[in-house]
C-alpha atoms as a PDB file:
ATOM      1  CA  UNK A   1     146.742 256.488  90.574  1.00  0.00           C
ATOM      2  CA  UNK A   2     147.489 254.237  93.529  1.00  0.00           C
ATOM      3  CA  UNK A   3     145.855 250.883  94.221  1.00  0.00           C
ATOM      4  CA  UNK A   4     142.150 251.135  95.091  1.00  0.00           C
ATOM      5  CA  UNK A   5     141.654 251.967  98.765  1.00  0.00           C
ATOM      6  CA  UNK A   6     139.096 249.215  99.305  1.00  0.00           C
ATOM      7  CA  UNK A   7     140.057 245.681 100.231  1.00  0.00           C
ATOM      8  CA  UNK A   8     138.969 243.076  97.629  1.00  0.00           C
ATOM      9  CA  UNK A   9     138.464 240.373 100.267  1.00  0.00           C
ATOM     10  CA  UNK A  10     136.146 242.545 102.341  1.00  0.00           C
ATOM     11  CA  UNK A  11     134.082 243.425  99.284  1.00  0.00           C
ATOM     12  CA  UNK A  12     133.716 239.828  98.105  1.00  0.00           C
ATOM     13  CA  UNK A  13     132.717 238.743 101.621  1.00  0.00           C
ATOM     14  CA  UNK A  14     129.810 241.221 101.559  1.00  0.00           C
ATOM     15  CA  UNK A  15     128.723 240.078  98.107  1.00  0.00           C
ATOM     16  CA  UNK A  16     128.919 236.355  98.853  1.00  0.00           C
ATOM     17  CA  UNK A  17     126.746 236.861 101.942  1.00  0.00           C
ATOM     18  CA  UNK A  18     123.647 237.375  99.758  1.00  0.00           C
ATOM     19  CA  UNK A  19     123.854 233.812  98.391  1.00  0.00           C
ATOM     20  CA  UNK A  20     122.511 230.471  99.597  1.00  0.00           C
ATOM     21  CA  UNK A  21     125.244 228.414 101.250  1.00  0.00           C
ATOM     22  CA  UNK A  22     125.879 225.976  98.394  1.00  0.00           C
ATOM     23  CA  UNK A  23     125.935 228.718  95.743  1.00  0.00           C
ATOM     24  CA  UNK A  24     128.435 230.681  97.824  1.00  0.00           C
ATOM     25  CA  UNK A  25     130.610 227.587  98.248  1.00  0.00           C
ATOM     26  CA  UNK A  26     130.597 227.001  94.487  1.00  0.00           C
ATOM     27  CA  UNK A  27     131.895 230.533  93.815  1.00  0.00           C
ATOM     28  CA  UNK A  28     134.470 230.238  96.591  1.00  0.00           C
ATOM     29  CA  UNK A  29     135.758 227.044  95.001  1.00  0.00           C
ATOM     30  CA  UNK A  30     135.642 228.217  91.391  1.00  0.00           C
ATOM     31  CA  UNK A  31     137.411 231.530  92.047  1.00  0.00           C
ATOM     32  CA  UNK A  32     139.753 230.414  94.850  1.00  0.00           C
ATOM     33  CA  UNK A  33     138.213 232.734  97.436  1.00  0.00           C
ATOM     34  CA  UNK A  34     138.739 230.487 100.445  1.00  0.00           C
ATOM     35  CA  UNK A  35     141.634 229.932 102.817  1.00  0.00           C
ATOM     36  CA  UNK A  36     143.492 228.113 100.030  1.00  0.00           C
ATOM     37  CA  UNK A  37     143.845 230.107  96.776  1.00  0.00           C
ATOM     38  CA  UNK A  38     143.647 227.013  94.572  1.00  0.00           C
ATOM     39  CA  UNK A  39     140.747 227.222  92.113  1.00  0.00           C
ATOM     40  CA  UNK A  40     138.533 224.142  91.869  1.00  0.00           C
ATOM     41  CA  UNK A  41     137.343 222.543  88.638  1.00  0.00           C
ATOM     42  CA  UNK A  42     133.688 221.979  87.795  1.00  0.00           C
ATOM     43  CA  UNK A  43     134.303 218.260  88.117  1.00  0.00           C
ATOM     44  CA  UNK A  44     135.862 218.396  91.600  1.00  0.00           C
ATOM     45  CA  UNK A  45     133.043 220.577  92.950  1.00  0.00           C
ATOM     46  CA  UNK A  46     130.472 218.299  91.322  1.00  0.00           C
ATOM     47  CA  UNK A  47     131.944 215.253  93.056  1.00  0.00           C
ATOM     48  CA  UNK A  48     131.779 217.019  96.418  1.00  0.00           C
ATOM     49  CA  UNK A  49     128.050 217.696  96.054  1.00  0.00           C
ATOM     50  CA  UNK A  50     127.155 214.643  93.973  1.00  0.00           C
ATOM     51  CA  UNK A  51     126.046 216.697  90.973  1.00  0.00           C
ATOM     52  CA  UNK A  52     127.144 217.001  87.334  1.00  0.00           C
ATOM     53  CA  UNK A  53     129.644 219.469  85.900  1.00  0.00           C
ATOM     54  CA  UNK A  54     126.840 221.179  84.020  1.00  0.00           C
ATOM     55  CA  UNK A  55     124.821 221.593  87.208  1.00  0.00           C
ATOM     56  CA  UNK A  56     127.818 223.222  88.900  1.00  0.00           C
ATOM     57  CA  UNK A  57     128.106 225.602  85.947  1.00  0.00           C
ATOM     58  CA  UNK A  58     124.421 226.479  86.278  1.00  0.00           C
ATOM     59  CA  UNK A  59     124.820 227.195  89.996  1.00  0.00           C
ATOM     60  CA  UNK A  60     127.870 229.370  89.280  1.00  0.00           C
ATOM     61  CA  UNK A  61     125.982 231.430  86.696  1.00  0.00           C
ATOM     62  CA  UNK A  62     122.964 231.704  88.996  1.00  0.00           C
ATOM     63  CA  UNK A  63     125.168 232.893  91.862  1.00  0.00           C
ATOM     64  CA  UNK A  64     126.872 235.584  89.762  1.00  0.00           C
ATOM     65  CA  UNK A  65     123.497 236.784  88.453  1.00  0.00           C
ATOM     66  CA  UNK A  66     122.048 236.858  91.972  1.00  0.00           C
ATOM     67  CA  UNK A  67     124.915 238.977  93.297  1.00  0.00           C
ATOM     68  CA  UNK A  68     124.605 241.497  90.454  1.00  0.00           C
ATOM     69  CA  UNK A  69     120.881 241.914  91.173  1.00  0.00           C
ATOM     70  CA  UNK A  70     121.366 242.334  94.921  1.00  0.00           C
ATOM     71  CA  UNK A  71     121.218 245.452  97.072  1.00  0.00           C
ATOM     72  CA  UNK A  72     124.710 244.630  98.329  1.00  0.00           C
ATOM     73  CA  UNK A  73     126.054 244.907  94.786  1.00  0.00           C
ATOM     74  CA  UNK A  74     124.349 248.274  94.309  1.00  0.00           C
ATOM     75  CA  UNK A  75     125.777 249.546  97.586  1.00  0.00           C
ATOM     76  CA  UNK A  76     129.287 248.645  96.404  1.00  0.00           C
ATOM     77  CA  UNK A  77     128.923 250.392  93.018  1.00  0.00           C
ATOM     78  CA  UNK A  78     131.270 253.220  94.009  1.00  0.00           C
ATOM     79  CA  UNK A  79     133.974 250.647  94.678  1.00  0.00           C
ATOM     80  CA  UNK A  80     133.550 249.185  91.188  1.00  0.00           C
ATOM     81  CA  UNK A  81     133.844 252.729  89.814  1.00  0.00           C
ATOM     82  CA  UNK A  82     137.072 253.140  91.757  1.00  0.00           C
ATOM     83  CA  UNK A  83     138.343 249.825  90.414  1.00  0.00           C
ATOM     84  CA  UNK A  84     137.550 250.972  86.877  1.00  0.00           C
ATOM     85  CA  UNK A  85     139.423 254.251  87.398  1.00  0.00           C
ATOM     86  CA  UNK A  86     142.421 252.291  88.629  1.00  0.00           C
ATOM     87  CA  UNK A  87     142.198 249.965  85.625  1.00  0.00           C
ATOM     88  CA  UNK A  88     142.114 252.971  83.278  1.00  0.00           C
ATOM     89  CA  UNK A  89     145.170 254.473  84.989  1.00  0.00           C
ATOM     90  CA  UNK A  90     147.082 251.271  84.208  1.00  0.00           C
ATOM     91  CA  UNK A  91     146.249 251.434  80.503  1.00  0.00           C
ATOM     92  CA  UNK A  92     142.568 250.469  80.011  1.00  0.00           C
ATOM     93  CA  UNK A  93     143.594 247.352  78.020  1.00  0.00           C
ATOM     94  CA  UNK A  94     145.648 244.869  80.040  1.00  0.00           C
ATOM     95  CA  UNK A  95     146.622 241.253  80.293  1.00  0.00           C
ATOM     96  CA  UNK A  96     144.919 239.596  83.220  1.00  0.00           C
ATOM     97  CA  UNK A  97     148.339 238.855  84.694  1.00  0.00           C
ATOM     98  CA  UNK A  98     149.501 242.485  84.504  1.00  0.00           C
ATOM     99  CA  UNK A  99     146.377 243.783  86.204  1.00  0.00           C
ATOM    100  CA  UNK A 100     146.374 241.241  89.013  1.00  0.00           C
ATOM    101  CA  UNK A 101     150.087 241.777  89.675  1.00  0.00           C
ATOM    102  CA  UNK A 102     149.434 245.513  89.895  1.00  0.00           C
ATOM    103  CA  UNK A 103     146.709 244.940  92.491  1.00  0.00           C
ATOM    104  CA  UNK A 104     148.757 242.596  94.676  1.00  0.00           C
ATOM    105  CA  UNK A 105     151.505 239.991  94.641  1.00  0.00           C
ATOM    106  CA  UNK A 106     149.428 237.828  96.982  1.00  0.00           C
ATOM    107  CA  UNK A 107     147.671 235.033  95.064  1.00  0.00           C
ATOM    108  CA  UNK A 108     144.621 235.016  97.337  1.00  0.00           C
ATOM    109  CA  UNK A 109     144.102 238.776  96.968  1.00  0.00           C
ATOM    110  CA  UNK A 110     144.529 238.412  93.202  1.00  0.00           C
ATOM    111  CA  UNK A 111     141.734 235.815  93.141  1.00  0.00           C
ATOM    112  CA  UNK A 112     139.383 238.213  94.915  1.00  0.00           C
ATOM    113  CA  UNK A 113     140.299 241.022  92.493  1.00  0.00           C
ATOM    114  CA  UNK A 114     139.666 238.678  89.561  1.00  0.00           C
ATOM    115  CA  UNK A 115     136.246 237.839  91.010  1.00  0.00           C
ATOM    116  CA  UNK A 116     135.392 241.547  91.079  1.00  0.00           C
ATOM    117  CA  UNK A 117     136.466 241.927  87.447  1.00  0.00           C
ATOM    118  CA  UNK A 118     134.042 239.158  86.498  1.00  0.00           C
ATOM    119  CA  UNK A 119     131.236 240.883  88.407  1.00  0.00           C
ATOM    120  CA  UNK A 120     131.932 244.422  87.192  1.00  0.00           C
ATOM    121  CA  UNK A 121     129.802 245.501  84.225  1.00  0.00           C
ATOM    122  CA  UNK A 122     132.539 247.827  82.953  1.00  0.00           C
ATOM    123  CA  UNK A 123     135.108 245.069  82.475  1.00  0.00           C
ATOM    124  CA  UNK A 124     135.246 243.133  79.199  1.00  0.00           C
ATOM    125  CA  UNK A 125     137.234 239.894  78.982  1.00  0.00           C
ATOM    126  CA  UNK A 126     138.827 238.365  75.879  1.00  0.00           C
ATOM    127  CA  UNK A 127     139.985 234.787  76.223  1.00  0.00           C
ATOM    128  CA  UNK A 128     143.420 233.616  75.167  1.00  0.00           C
ATOM    129  CA  UNK A 129     143.885 232.746  71.493  1.00  0.00           C
ATOM    130  CA  UNK A 130     146.782 232.085  69.117  1.00  0.00           C
ATOM    131  CA  UNK A 131     147.794 235.745  68.984  1.00  0.00           C
ATOM    132  CA  UNK A 132     146.898 237.215  72.368  1.00  0.00           C
ATOM    133  CA  UNK A 133     146.951 236.423  76.074  1.00  0.00           C
ATOM    134  CA  UNK A 134     143.910 236.580  78.346  1.00  0.00           C
ATOM    135  CA  UNK A 135     143.104 240.278  78.555  1.00  0.00           C
ATOM    136  CA  UNK A 136     140.564 242.730  79.925  1.00  0.00           C
ATOM    137  CA  UNK A 137     139.487 246.160  78.770  1.00  0.00           C
ATOM    138  CA  UNK A 138     137.124 248.977  79.681  1.00  0.00           C
ATOM    139  CA  UNK A 139     137.172 250.710  76.278  1.00  0.00           C
ATOM    140  CA  UNK A 140     136.114 248.704  73.205  1.00  0.00           C
ATOM    141  CA  UNK A 141     137.349 251.291  70.732  1.00  0.00           C
ATOM    142  CA  UNK A 142     140.792 251.608  72.292  1.00  0.00           C
ATOM    143  CA  UNK A 143     141.047 247.835  72.633  1.00  0.00           C
ATOM    144  CA  UNK A 144     140.337 247.361  68.917  1.00  0.00           C
ATOM    145  CA  UNK A 145     142.922 250.034  68.069  1.00  0.00           C
ATOM    146  CA  UNK A 146     145.607 248.376  70.202  1.00  0.00           C
ATOM    147  CA  UNK A 147     144.883 244.902  68.827  1.00  0.00           C
ATOM    148  CA  UNK A 148     145.003 246.163  65.240  1.00  0.00           C
ATOM    149  CA  UNK A 149     148.358 247.869  65.873  1.00  0.00           C
ATOM    150  CA  UNK A 150     149.815 244.707  67.415  1.00  0.00           C
ATOM    151  CA  UNK A 151     148.672 242.610  64.463  1.00  0.00           C
ATOM    152  CA  UNK A 152     150.241 245.098  62.028  1.00  0.00           C
ATOM    153  CA  UNK A 153     153.447 245.125  64.062  1.00  0.00           C
ATOM    154  CA  UNK A 154     153.629 241.337  63.911  1.00  0.00           C
ATOM    155  CA  UNK A 155     153.034 241.314  60.155  1.00  0.00           C
ATOM    156  CA  UNK A 156     155.860 243.817  59.681  1.00  0.00           C
ATOM    157  CA  UNK A 157     158.485 241.703  61.448  1.00  0.00           C
ATOM    158  CA  UNK A 158     160.605 239.176  59.556  1.00  0.00           C
ATOM    159  CA  UNK A 159     161.649 235.898  61.159  1.00  0.00           C
ATOM    160  CA  UNK A 160     165.236 237.046  61.803  1.00  0.00           C
ATOM    161  CA  UNK A 161     164.467 240.631  62.838  1.00  0.00           C
ATOM    162  CA  UNK A 162     165.917 241.736  66.160  1.00  0.00           C
ATOM    163  CA  UNK A 163     165.338 245.378  67.044  1.00  0.00           C
ATOM    164  CA  UNK A 164     166.078 247.617  69.987  1.00  0.00           C
ATOM    165  CA  UNK A 165     163.531 248.672  72.565  1.00  0.00           C
ATOM    166  CA  UNK A 166     163.411 252.212  71.165  1.00  0.00           C
ATOM    167  CA  UNK A 167     162.877 250.918  67.628  1.00  0.00           C
ATOM    168  CA  UNK A 168     160.066 248.658  68.814  1.00  0.00           C
ATOM    169  CA  UNK A 169     158.344 251.506  70.641  1.00  0.00           C
ATOM    170  CA  UNK A 170     158.638 253.767  67.590  1.00  0.00           C
ATOM    171  CA  UNK A 171     157.210 251.087  65.288  1.00  0.00           C
ATOM    172  CA  UNK A 172     154.341 250.377  67.686  1.00  0.00           C
ATOM    173  CA  UNK A 173     153.469 254.063  68.136  1.00  0.00           C
ATOM    174  CA  UNK A 174     153.421 254.541  64.372  1.00  0.00           C
ATOM    175  CA  UNK A 175     150.912 251.719  63.961  1.00  0.00           C
ATOM    176  CA  UNK A 176     148.798 252.897  66.890  1.00  0.00           C
ATOM    177  CA  UNK A 177     148.169 256.308  65.418  1.00  0.00           C
ATOM    178  CA  UNK A 178     146.431 258.918  67.557  1.00  0.00           C
ATOM    179  CA  UNK A 179     145.526 257.853  71.097  1.00  0.00           C
ATOM    180  CA  UNK A 180     144.231 259.770  74.150  1.00  0.00           C
ATOM    181  CA  UNK A 181     147.022 261.709  75.875  1.00  0.00           C
ATOM    182  CA  UNK A 182     146.398 259.841  79.135  1.00  0.00           C
ATOM    183  CA  UNK A 183     147.781 256.655  77.563  1.00  0.00           C
ATOM    184  CA  UNK A 184     150.798 258.206  75.839  1.00  0.00           C
ATOM    185  CA  UNK A 185     153.519 256.687  78.007  1.00  0.00           C
ATOM    186  CA  UNK A 186     156.139 254.006  77.430  1.00  0.00           C
ATOM    187  CA  UNK A 187     154.986 252.173  80.558  1.00  0.00           C
ATOM    188  CA  UNK A 188     151.528 251.692  79.053  1.00  0.00           C
ATOM    189  CA  UNK A 189     152.919 250.874  75.600  1.00  0.00           C
ATOM    190  CA  UNK A 190     154.935 248.024  77.111  1.00  0.00           C
ATOM    191  CA  UNK A 191     151.804 246.707  78.835  1.00  0.00           C
ATOM    192  CA  UNK A 192     150.012 246.727  75.496  1.00  0.00           C
ATOM    193  CA  UNK A 193     152.931 244.954  73.822  1.00  0.00           C
ATOM    194  CA  UNK A 194     152.630 242.203  76.439  1.00  0.00           C
ATOM    195  CA  UNK A 195     149.115 241.483  75.184  1.00  0.00           C
ATOM    196  CA  UNK A 196     150.702 239.813  72.162  1.00  0.00           C
ATOM    197  CA  UNK A 197     151.878 236.206  72.166  1.00  0.00           C
ATOM    198  CA  UNK A 198     153.529 236.623  68.755  1.00  0.00           C
ATOM    199  CA  UNK A 199     155.911 239.463  69.670  1.00  0.00           C
ATOM    200  CA  UNK A 200     158.487 239.082  72.425  1.00  0.00           C
ATOM    201  CA  UNK A 201     161.540 240.456  74.187  1.00  0.00           C
ATOM    202  CA  UNK A 202     164.761 238.614  74.998  1.00  0.00           C
ATOM    203  CA  UNK A 203     166.995 238.974  78.049  1.00  0.00           C
ATOM    204  CA  UNK A 204     169.064 241.671  76.335  1.00  0.00           C
ATOM    205  CA  UNK A 205     166.028 243.924  75.874  1.00  0.00           C
ATOM    206  CA  UNK A 206     165.805 243.250  72.133  1.00  0.00           C
ATOM    207  CA  UNK A 207     162.489 242.575  70.398  1.00  0.00           C
ATOM    208  CA  UNK A 208     161.346 240.283  67.610  1.00  0.00           C
ATOM    209  CA  UNK A 209     158.958 237.473  66.789  1.00  0.00           C
ATOM    210  CA  UNK A 210     158.239 235.438  69.914  1.00  0.00           C
ATOM    211  CA  UNK A 211     158.879 232.134  68.124  1.00  0.00           C
ATOM    212  CA  UNK A 212     162.282 233.258  66.820  1.00  0.00           C
ATOM    213  CA  UNK A 213     165.390 231.661  68.394  1.00  0.00           C
ATOM    214  CA  UNK A 214     166.543 235.238  69.008  1.00  0.00           C
ATOM    215  CA  UNK A 215     163.666 235.622  71.481  1.00  0.00           C
ATOM    216  CA  UNK A 216     162.753 232.072  72.480  1.00  0.00           C
ATOM    217  CA  UNK A 217     166.303 230.955  73.213  1.00  0.00           C
ATOM    218  CA  UNK A 218     166.693 227.186  73.025  1.00  0.00           C
ATOM    219  CA  UNK A 219     170.392 226.444  73.402  1.00  0.00           C
ATOM    220  CA  UNK A 220     174.065 227.447  73.249  1.00  0.00           C
ATOM    221  CA  UNK A 221     173.939 228.435  69.576  1.00  0.00           C
ATOM    222  CA  UNK A 222     171.170 230.960  70.200  1.00  0.00           C
ATOM    223  CA  UNK A 223     172.993 232.425  73.207  1.00  0.00           C
ATOM    224  CA  UNK A 224     176.219 232.579  71.169  1.00  0.00           C
ATOM    225  CA  UNK A 225     174.508 234.409  68.320  1.00  0.00           C
ATOM    226  CA  UNK A 226     173.172 237.056  70.692  1.00  0.00           C
ATOM    227  CA  UNK A 227     176.476 237.719  72.484  1.00  0.00           C
ATOM    228  CA  UNK A 228     178.510 237.875  69.247  1.00  0.00           C
ATOM    229  CA  UNK A 229     175.923 240.160  67.665  1.00  0.00           C
ATOM    230  CA  UNK A 230     175.938 242.376  70.733  1.00  0.00           C
ATOM    231  CA  UNK A 231     179.762 242.529  70.704  1.00  0.00           C
ATOM    232  CA  UNK A 232     179.720 243.669  67.081  1.00  0.00           C
ATOM    233  CA  UNK A 233     182.862 241.884  65.859  1.00  0.00           C
ATOM    234  CA  UNK A 234     184.282 238.327  65.773  1.00  0.00           C
ATOM    235  CA  UNK A 235     185.002 236.627  69.085  1.00  0.00           C
ATOM    236  CA  UNK A 236     187.073 233.647  70.167  1.00  0.00           C
ATOM    237  CA  UNK A 237     184.889 230.711  71.184  1.00  0.00           C
ATOM    238  CA  UNK A 238     186.325 230.784  74.730  1.00  0.00           C
ATOM    239  CA  UNK A 239     185.251 234.418  75.084  1.00  0.00           C
ATOM    240  CA  UNK A 240     181.825 233.554  73.662  1.00  0.00           C
ATOM    241  CA  UNK A 241     181.412 230.850  76.323  1.00  0.00           C
ATOM    242  CA  UNK A 242     182.476 233.287  79.043  1.00  0.00           C
ATOM    243  CA  UNK A 243     180.002 235.935  77.878  1.00  0.00           C
ATOM    244  CA  UNK A 244     177.148 233.421  77.746  1.00  0.00           C
ATOM    245  CA  UNK A 245     177.811 232.615  81.397  1.00  0.00           C
ATOM    246  CA  UNK A 246     178.244 236.247  82.482  1.00  0.00           C
ATOM    247  CA  UNK A 247     175.373 237.770  80.511  1.00  0.00           C
ATOM    248  CA  UNK A 248     172.760 235.024  80.709  1.00  0.00           C
ATOM    249  CA  UNK A 249     173.857 233.172  83.826  1.00  0.00           C
ATOM    250  CA  UNK A 250     174.027 229.928  81.878  1.00  0.00           C
ATOM    251  CA  UNK A 251     177.158 227.784  82.384  1.00  0.00           C
ATOM    252  CA  UNK A 252     178.923 227.256  79.042  1.00  0.00           C
ATOM    253  CA  UNK A 253     182.069 225.192  78.496  1.00  0.00           C
ATOM    254  CA  UNK A 254     184.439 226.537  75.785  1.00  0.00           C
ATOM    255  CA  UNK A 255     184.793 223.167  74.034  1.00  0.00           C
ATOM    256  CA  UNK A 256     181.029 222.667  73.918  1.00  0.00           C
ATOM    257  CA  UNK A 257     180.562 226.191  72.616  1.00  0.00           C
ATOM    258  CA  UNK A 258     183.202 225.608  69.915  1.00  0.00           C
ATOM    259  CA  UNK A 259     181.471 222.419  68.754  1.00  0.00           C
ATOM    260  CA  UNK A 260     178.077 224.106  68.560  1.00  0.00           C
ATOM    261  CA  UNK A 261     179.422 227.058  66.574  1.00  0.00           C
ATOM    262  CA  UNK A 262     181.101 224.761  64.055  1.00  0.00           C
ATOM    263  CA  UNK A 263     177.816 222.937  63.416  1.00  0.00           C
ATOM    264  CA  UNK A 264     175.769 226.081  62.756  1.00  0.00           C
ATOM    265  CA  UNK A 265     177.157 227.184  59.392  1.00  0.00           C
ATOM    266  CA  UNK A 266     174.045 229.201  58.614  1.00  0.00           C
ATOM    267  CA  UNK A 267     174.799 231.773  61.315  1.00  0.00           C
ATOM    268  CA  UNK A 268     178.499 231.469  62.204  1.00  0.00           C
ATOM    269  CA  UNK A 269     181.696 231.641  60.160  1.00  0.00           C
ATOM    270  CA  UNK A 270     185.165 230.684  61.389  1.00  0.00           C
ATOM    271  CA  UNK A 271     187.195 233.752  60.414  1.00  0.00           C
ATOM    272  CA  UNK A 272     190.428 233.039  62.255  1.00  0.00           C
ATOM    273  CA  UNK A 273     191.995 230.626  64.704  1.00  0.00           C
ATOM    274  CA  UNK A 274     189.068 230.007  67.047  1.00  0.00           C
ATOM    275  CA  UNK A 275     187.446 233.313  66.006  1.00  0.00           C
ATOM    276  CA  UNK A 276     183.808 233.336  64.926  1.00  0.00           C
ATOM    277  CA  UNK A 277     181.886 236.050  63.126  1.00  0.00           C
ATOM    278  CA  UNK A 278     178.304 236.158  61.897  1.00  0.00           C
ATOM    279  CA  UNK A 279     177.388 235.210  58.353  1.00  0.00           C
ATOM    280  CA  UNK A 280     175.000 238.178  58.276  1.00  0.00           C
ATOM    281  CA  UNK A 281     178.031 240.482  58.513  1.00  0.00           C
ATOM    282  CA  UNK A 282     179.102 239.340  55.054  1.00  0.00           C
ATOM    283  CA  UNK A 283     181.561 236.633  56.052  1.00  0.00           C
ATOM    284  CA  UNK A 284     181.512 233.535  53.857  1.00  0.00           C
ATOM    285  CA  UNK A 285     182.401 229.978  54.722  1.00  0.00           C
ATOM    286  CA  UNK A 286     185.716 228.478  53.635  1.00  0.00           C
ATOM    287  CA  UNK A 287     189.464 228.605  54.204  1.00  0.00           C
ATOM    288  CA  UNK A 288     191.686 231.517  53.121  1.00  0.00           C
ATOM    289  CA  UNK A 289     192.158 230.005  49.658  1.00  0.00           C
ATOM    290  CA  UNK A 290     188.379 229.932  49.142  1.00  0.00           C
ATOM    291  CA  UNK A 291     188.077 233.543  50.269  1.00  0.00           C
ATOM    292  CA  UNK A 292     190.744 234.640  47.761  1.00  0.00           C
ATOM    293  CA  UNK A 293     188.947 232.794  44.970  1.00  0.00           C
ATOM    294  CA  UNK A 294     185.625 234.452  45.847  1.00  0.00           C
ATOM    295  CA  UNK A 295     187.232 237.913  45.945  1.00  0.00           C
ATOM    296  CA  UNK A 296     188.915 237.497  42.559  1.00  0.00           C
ATOM    297  CA  UNK A 297     185.684 236.203  41.039  1.00  0.00           C
ATOM    298  CA  UNK A 298     183.841 239.216  42.367  1.00  0.00           C
ATOM    299  CA  UNK A 299     186.403 241.974  41.726  1.00  0.00           C
ATOM    300  CA  UNK A 300     188.566 240.581  38.946  1.00  0.00           C
ATOM    301  CA  UNK A 301     192.339 241.114  38.754  1.00  0.00           C
ATOM    302  CA  UNK A 302     193.826 242.865  41.793  1.00  0.00           C
ATOM    303  CA  UNK A 303     197.167 244.119  42.993  1.00  0.00           C
ATOM    304  CA  UNK A 304     198.684 242.238  45.903  1.00  0.00           C
ATOM    305  CA  UNK A 305     198.018 245.034  48.409  1.00  0.00           C
ATOM    306  CA  UNK A 306     194.366 245.345  47.367  1.00  0.00           C
ATOM    307  CA  UNK A 307     193.819 241.608  47.450  1.00  0.00           C
ATOM    308  CA  UNK A 308     195.459 241.153  50.849  1.00  0.00           C
ATOM    309  CA  UNK A 309     193.426 244.033  52.276  1.00  0.00           C
ATOM    310  CA  UNK A 310     190.150 242.500  51.117  1.00  0.00           C
ATOM    311  CA  UNK A 311     191.073 239.062  52.461  1.00  0.00           C
ATOM    312  CA  UNK A 312     191.962 240.492  55.872  1.00  0.00           C
ATOM    313  CA  UNK A 313     188.505 242.042  56.051  1.00  0.00           C
ATOM    314  CA  UNK A 314     187.067 238.551  55.622  1.00  0.00           C
ATOM    315  CA  UNK A 315     189.494 236.586  57.771  1.00  0.00           C
ATOM    316  CA  UNK A 316     191.386 237.411  60.953  1.00  0.00           C
ATOM    317  CA  UNK A 317     194.709 235.902  59.854  1.00  0.00           C
ATOM    318  CA  UNK A 318     198.254 237.147  59.416  1.00  0.00           C
ATOM    319  CA  UNK A 319     199.203 238.795  56.124  1.00  0.00           C
ATOM    320  CA  UNK A 320     201.811 236.119  55.555  1.00  0.00           C
ATOM    321  CA  UNK A 321     199.071 233.462  55.603  1.00  0.00           C
ATOM    322  CA  UNK A 322     197.404 235.203  52.659  1.00  0.00           C
ATOM    323  CA  UNK A 323     200.703 235.475  50.766  1.00  0.00           C
ATOM    324  CA  UNK A 324     201.440 231.782  51.271  1.00  0.00           C
ATOM    325  CA  UNK A 325     198.043 230.890  49.816  1.00  0.00           C
ATOM    326  CA  UNK A 326     198.647 233.155  46.812  1.00  0.00           C
ATOM    327  CA  UNK A 327     201.654 230.996  45.915  1.00  0.00           C
ATOM    328  CA  UNK A 328     199.290 228.127  45.072  1.00  0.00           C
ATOM    329  CA  UNK A 329     199.772 228.070  41.279  1.00  0.00           C
ATOM    330  CA  UNK A 330     196.929 225.616  40.853  1.00  0.00           C
ATOM    331  CA  UNK A 331     194.475 228.435  41.572  1.00  0.00           C
ATOM    332  CA  UNK A 332     196.288 231.785  41.248  1.00  0.00           C
ATOM    333  CA  UNK A 333     198.689 233.441  38.841  1.00  0.00           C
ATOM    334  CA  UNK A 334     200.673 236.665  39.079  1.00  0.00           C
ATOM    335  CA  UNK A 335     201.796 238.704  36.101  1.00  0.00           C
ATOM    336  CA  UNK A 336     204.951 240.781  35.778  1.00  0.00           C
ATOM    337  CA  UNK A 337     203.147 243.824  37.137  1.00  0.00           C
ATOM    338  CA  UNK A 338     202.225 242.039  40.381  1.00  0.00           C
ATOM    339  CA  UNK A 339     198.553 241.628  39.430  1.00  0.00           C
ATOM    340  CA  UNK A 340     196.784 238.478  40.645  1.00  0.00           C
ATOM    341  CA  UNK A 341     194.078 236.602  38.744  1.00  0.00           C
ATOM    342  CA  UNK A 342     192.517 233.160  38.829  1.00  0.00           C
ATOM    343  CA  UNK A 343     194.095 230.385  36.802  1.00  0.00           C
END
């Protein structure tokens, strides 16, 4: 469904005309319905008229009540029905921001549309809280279903989880259960996902917990993690810096990137000369000697070929580097059959 045919500003002008002058001015100020779209506080309006904040609030409530009881409001009922139909076509449960952006990109027009939401009996508002953004709905049952699914989705995500868009949609749909066919579209599902403040999407289109550094990116290390993970194999720090700049548009100097990767031993492992892999891929910290020790502890005695092969999976070094380390008799010994063990 396209945007409602009526003009929000024309409708609000008719409705405001039923009010006494001061009451109309209070609503114009509070909702930003004047020439300037800036919304006025209770305090600033009170100072203008020499009255208290509470008195301004009383006038605002009186004005809204007066409009809803007026003949002008009744005559515009079909327009509120049209607005509701449009709201339903967008998803029936929406963040305030999503709805207003759908109506218009003009801030003044958005203010008038918001005013009509407040006046419309069909529209239910939920204020922002720790889990959700300011949102509106026209279906209590559907709203409860969506909120419950979002809460379950949040509970099912671990701090380090980072999943694709398709995986997120599948997980959300599973938790939603059966919904009316009119709302079964990815476009609406994404609008519902945006209700949540605890679930988020990064610039690569991957989803996770909104507070995670994978989503709320804070610095070079977080950018580096995402580009290396996306690449799928170890990268030289200079290439990591280049990708950060190209993918995220954030200038990154190779030396700075190198220093940051070295410091973050929880996520990154130096696996070769300037090459970094992710610890979550199974790489362990340490030089080649340490890697050989860990492998022999884990697998026991090994032939040279087997041992070298396993080391090269852990470190991007030349085979000769592994062989040189195996000559360290303080840590390794080789029997007559060419089998290596720890000393």
